[in-house]
Amino acid sequence: MWPLLLDPLRSQAETIGLWAGLLTTIAFAPQLVKAWKTGGEGLSWAMLALFGTGVWLWFVYGVLRMSFPIMVANALTGLQVLAIFALKVRHAGAKRRAESTSTEKPSAEPSLEKIAVP
């Protein structure tokens, strides 16, 4: 029964693939926007690594199958994952620098602001 229902769709396989790739790629875009605003807070490194690896493998699969929709969708999603990864790296570096400057010991030399002038 399934082959009879799916037969008419076979000629539209690439179009269906393009729409599926477009929608799933767009669906990931809000994560990129949120990561831009928050520096990637709330997204774990493990999730990004696993998801990015999966996207890369889907891209390779698309190349092996010579499927344009699979290649394009996963290339675009992969770029989004790389952008989020870069935002997390930048945010982690800025956070580390902020923490190191806030934990520095105050200087033993008196500040000019604290010296009373007669």
C-alpha atoms as a PDB file:
ATOM      1  CA  MET A   1       0.000   0.000   0.000  1.00  0.00           C
ATOM      2  CA  TRP A   2       2.790   2.481   0.867  1.00  0.00           C
ATOM      3  CA  PRO A   3       4.454   2.190  -2.552  1.00  0.00           C
ATOM      4  CA  LEU A   4       1.171   3.129  -4.206  1.00  0.00           C
ATOM      5  CA  LEU A   5       0.833   6.218  -2.002  1.00  0.00           C
ATOM      6  CA  LEU A   6       4.449   7.303  -2.417  1.00  0.00           C
ATOM      7  CA  ASP A   7       4.836   6.629  -6.145  1.00  0.00           C
ATOM      8  CA  PRO A   8       3.374   9.989  -7.225  1.00  0.00           C
ATOM      9  CA  LEU A   9       5.819  11.792  -4.880  1.00  0.00           C
ATOM     10  CA  ARG A  10       8.978  10.160  -6.286  1.00  0.00           C
ATOM     11  CA  SER A  11       9.233  12.704  -9.083  1.00  0.00           C
ATOM     12  CA  GLN A  12       9.120  15.476  -6.463  1.00  0.00           C
ATOM     13  CA  ALA A  13      11.821  14.010  -4.192  1.00  0.00           C
ATOM     14  CA  GLU A  14      14.343  16.848  -4.739  1.00  0.00           C
ATOM     15  CA  THR A  15      11.707  19.528  -4.202  1.00  0.00           C
ATOM     16  CA  ILE A  16      10.543  17.846  -0.991  1.00  0.00           C
ATOM     17  CA  GLY A  17      14.187  17.591   0.112  1.00  0.00           C
ATOM     18  CA  LEU A  18      14.807  21.276  -0.602  1.00  0.00           C
ATOM     19  CA  TRP A  19      11.774  22.320   1.438  1.00  0.00           C
ATOM     20  CA  ALA A  20      12.697  19.992   4.290  1.00  0.00           C
ATOM     21  CA  GLY A  21      16.253  21.353   4.347  1.00  0.00           C
ATOM     22  CA  LEU A  22      15.079  24.943   4.125  1.00  0.00           C
ATOM     23  CA  LEU A  23      12.622  24.569   7.002  1.00  0.00           C
ATOM     24  CA  THR A  24      15.033  22.732   9.321  1.00  0.00           C
ATOM     25  CA  THR A  25      17.818  25.217   8.588  1.00  0.00           C
ATOM     26  CA  ILE A  26      15.525  28.171   9.284  1.00  0.00           C
ATOM     27  CA  ALA A  27      14.297  26.423  12.441  1.00  0.00           C
ATOM     28  CA  PHE A  28      17.847  26.495  13.841  1.00  0.00           C
ATOM     29  CA  ALA A  29      18.290  30.229  13.126  1.00  0.00           C
ATOM     30  CA  PRO A  30      16.589  31.379  16.384  1.00  0.00           C
ATOM     31  CA  GLN A  31      19.285  29.470  18.306  1.00  0.00           C
ATOM     32  CA  LEU A  32      21.914  31.535  16.508  1.00  0.00           C
ATOM     33  CA  VAL A  33      20.073  34.770  17.358  1.00  0.00           C
ATOM     34  CA  LYS A  34      19.773  33.723  21.006  1.00  0.00           C
ATOM     35  CA  ALA A  35      23.457  32.747  21.114  1.00  0.00           C
ATOM     36  CA  TRP A  36      24.340  36.152  19.667  1.00  0.00           C
ATOM     37  CA  LYS A  37      22.451  37.853  22.482  1.00  0.00           C
ATOM     38  CA  THR A  38      23.608  35.567  25.314  1.00  0.00           C
ATOM     39  CA  GLY A  39      27.029  34.453  24.145  1.00  0.00           C
ATOM     40  CA  GLY A  40      25.794  30.885  23.865  1.00  0.00           C
ATOM     41  CA  GLU A  41      24.806  30.555  27.509  1.00  0.00           C
ATOM     42  CA  GLY A  42      22.489  27.590  27.963  1.00  0.00           C
ATOM     43  CA  LEU A  43      23.930  25.621  25.049  1.00  0.00           C
ATOM     44  CA  SER A  44      26.314  22.922  26.167  1.00  0.00           C
ATOM     45  CA  TRP A  45      29.618  22.237  24.448  1.00  0.00           C
ATOM     46  CA  ALA A  46      28.644  18.564  24.220  1.00  0.00           C
ATOM     47  CA  MET A  47      25.406  19.371  22.396  1.00  0.00           C
ATOM     48  CA  LEU A  48      27.217  21.611  19.926  1.00  0.00           C
ATOM     49  CA  ALA A  49      29.909  18.998  19.305  1.00  0.00           C
ATOM     50  CA  LEU A  50      27.417  16.164  18.800  1.00  0.00           C
ATOM     51  CA  PHE A  51      25.032  18.229  16.696  1.00  0.00           C
ATOM     52  CA  GLY A  52      27.864  19.679  14.607  1.00  0.00           C
ATOM     53  CA  THR A  53      29.310  16.211  13.999  1.00  0.00           C
ATOM     54  CA  GLY A  54      25.886  14.922  12.973  1.00  0.00           C
ATOM     55  CA  VAL A  55      25.380  17.846  10.584  1.00  0.00           C
ATOM     56  CA  TRP A  56      28.836  17.285   9.087  1.00  0.00           C
ATOM     57  CA  LEU A  57      28.083  13.575   8.585  1.00  0.00           C
ATOM     58  CA  TRP A  58      24.763  14.447   6.918  1.00  0.00           C
ATOM     59  CA  PHE A  59      26.698  16.771   4.603  1.00  0.00           C
ATOM     60  CA  VAL A  60      29.126  13.959   3.720  1.00  0.00           C
ATOM     61  CA  TYR A  61      26.158  11.655   3.139  1.00  0.00           C
ATOM     62  CA  GLY A  62      24.662  14.249   0.790  1.00  0.00           C
ATOM     63  CA  VAL A  63      27.936  14.432  -1.140  1.00  0.00           C
ATOM     64  CA  LEU A  64      28.086  10.642  -1.413  1.00  0.00           C
ATOM     65  CA  ARG A  65      24.482  10.545  -2.625  1.00  0.00           C
ATOM     66  CA  MET A  66      25.027  13.644  -4.800  1.00  0.00           C
ATOM     67  CA  SER A  67      21.921  15.147  -3.205  1.00  0.00           C
ATOM     68  CA  PHE A  68      21.902  18.921  -3.571  1.00  0.00           C
ATOM     69  CA  PRO A  69      19.204  19.507  -0.900  1.00  0.00           C
ATOM     70  CA  ILE A  70      21.061  17.458   1.724  1.00  0.00           C
ATOM     71  CA  MET A  71      24.372  19.163   0.954  1.00  0.00           C
ATOM     72  CA  VAL A  72      23.009  22.729   0.987  1.00  0.00           C
ATOM     73  CA  ALA A  73      20.816  22.332   4.076  1.00  0.00           C
ATOM     74  CA  ASN A  74      23.597  20.775   6.125  1.00  0.00           C
ATOM     75  CA  ALA A  75      26.232  23.200   4.880  1.00  0.00           C
ATOM     76  CA  LEU A  76      24.053  26.138   5.979  1.00  0.00           C
ATOM     77  CA  THR A  77      23.202  24.514   9.309  1.00  0.00           C
ATOM     78  CA  GLY A  78      26.895  23.711   9.790  1.00  0.00           C
ATOM     79  CA  LEU A  79      27.741  27.392   9.319  1.00  0.00           C
ATOM     80  CA  GLN A  80      25.198  28.255  12.009  1.00  0.00           C
ATOM     81  CA  VAL A  81      26.760  25.705  14.370  1.00  0.00           C
ATOM     82  CA  LEU A  82      30.236  27.144  13.692  1.00  0.00           C
ATOM     83  CA  ALA A  83      28.940  30.662  14.378  1.00  0.00           C
ATOM     84  CA  ILE A  84      27.431  29.563  17.697  1.00  0.00           C
ATOM     85  CA  PHE A  85      30.660  27.755  18.580  1.00  0.00           C
ATOM     86  CA  ALA A  86      32.642  30.940  17.839  1.00  0.00           C
ATOM     87  CA  LEU A  87      30.232  33.014  19.955  1.00  0.00           C
ATOM     88  CA  LYS A  88      30.623  30.596  22.870  1.00  0.00           C
ATOM     89  CA  VAL A  89      34.433  30.696  22.581  1.00  0.00           C
ATOM     90  CA  ARG A  90      34.420  34.505  22.475  1.00  0.00           C
ATOM     91  CA  HIS A  91      31.983  34.734  25.397  1.00  0.00           C
ATOM     92  CA  ALA A  92      33.978  32.221  27.470  1.00  0.00           C
ATOM     93  CA  GLY A  93      37.170  34.233  26.873  1.00  0.00           C
ATOM     94  CA  ALA A  94      35.509  37.502  27.829  1.00  0.00           C
ATOM     95  CA  LYS A  95      33.998  35.897  30.927  1.00  0.00           C
ATOM     96  CA  ARG A  96      37.392  34.488  31.964  1.00  0.00           C
ATOM     97  CA  ARG A  97      39.039  37.901  31.505  1.00  0.00           C
ATOM     98  CA  ALA A  98      36.314  39.603  33.544  1.00  0.00           C
ATOM     99  CA  GLU A  99      36.680  37.068  36.350  1.00  0.00           C
ATOM    100  CA  SER A 100      40.461  37.418  36.422  1.00  0.00           C
ATOM    101  CA  THR A 101      40.308  41.222  36.678  1.00  0.00           C
ATOM    102  CA  SER A 102      37.668  41.145  39.411  1.00  0.00           C
ATOM    103  CA  THR A 103      39.708  38.726  41.545  1.00  0.00           C
ATOM    104  CA  GLU A 104      42.971  40.668  41.314  1.00  0.00           C
ATOM    105  CA  LYS A 105      44.299  41.965  44.620  1.00  0.00           C
ATOM    106  CA  PRO A 106      44.173  45.720  45.078  1.00  0.00           C
ATOM    107  CA  SER A 107      47.434  47.553  44.681  1.00  0.00           C
ATOM    108  CA  ALA A 108      49.426  48.377  47.837  1.00  0.00           C
ATOM    109  CA  GLU A 109      50.111  51.874  46.521  1.00  0.00           C
ATOM    110  CA  PRO A 110      47.622  54.526  47.594  1.00  0.00           C
ATOM    111  CA  SER A 111      45.313  55.860  44.952  1.00  0.00           C
ATOM    112  CA  LEU A 112      45.525  59.551  44.138  1.00  0.00           C
ATOM    113  CA  GLU A 113      41.784  59.790  44.706  1.00  0.00           C
ATOM    114  CA  LYS A 114      42.153  58.696  48.341  1.00  0.00           C
ATOM    115  CA  ILE A 115      44.934  61.108  49.273  1.00  0.00           C
ATOM    116  CA  ALA A 116      43.590  64.094  51.170  1.00  0.00           C
ATOM    117  CA  VAL A 117      44.919  67.406  49.946  1.00  0.00           C
ATOM    118  CA  PRO A 118      45.143  70.169  52.628  1.00  0.00           C
END
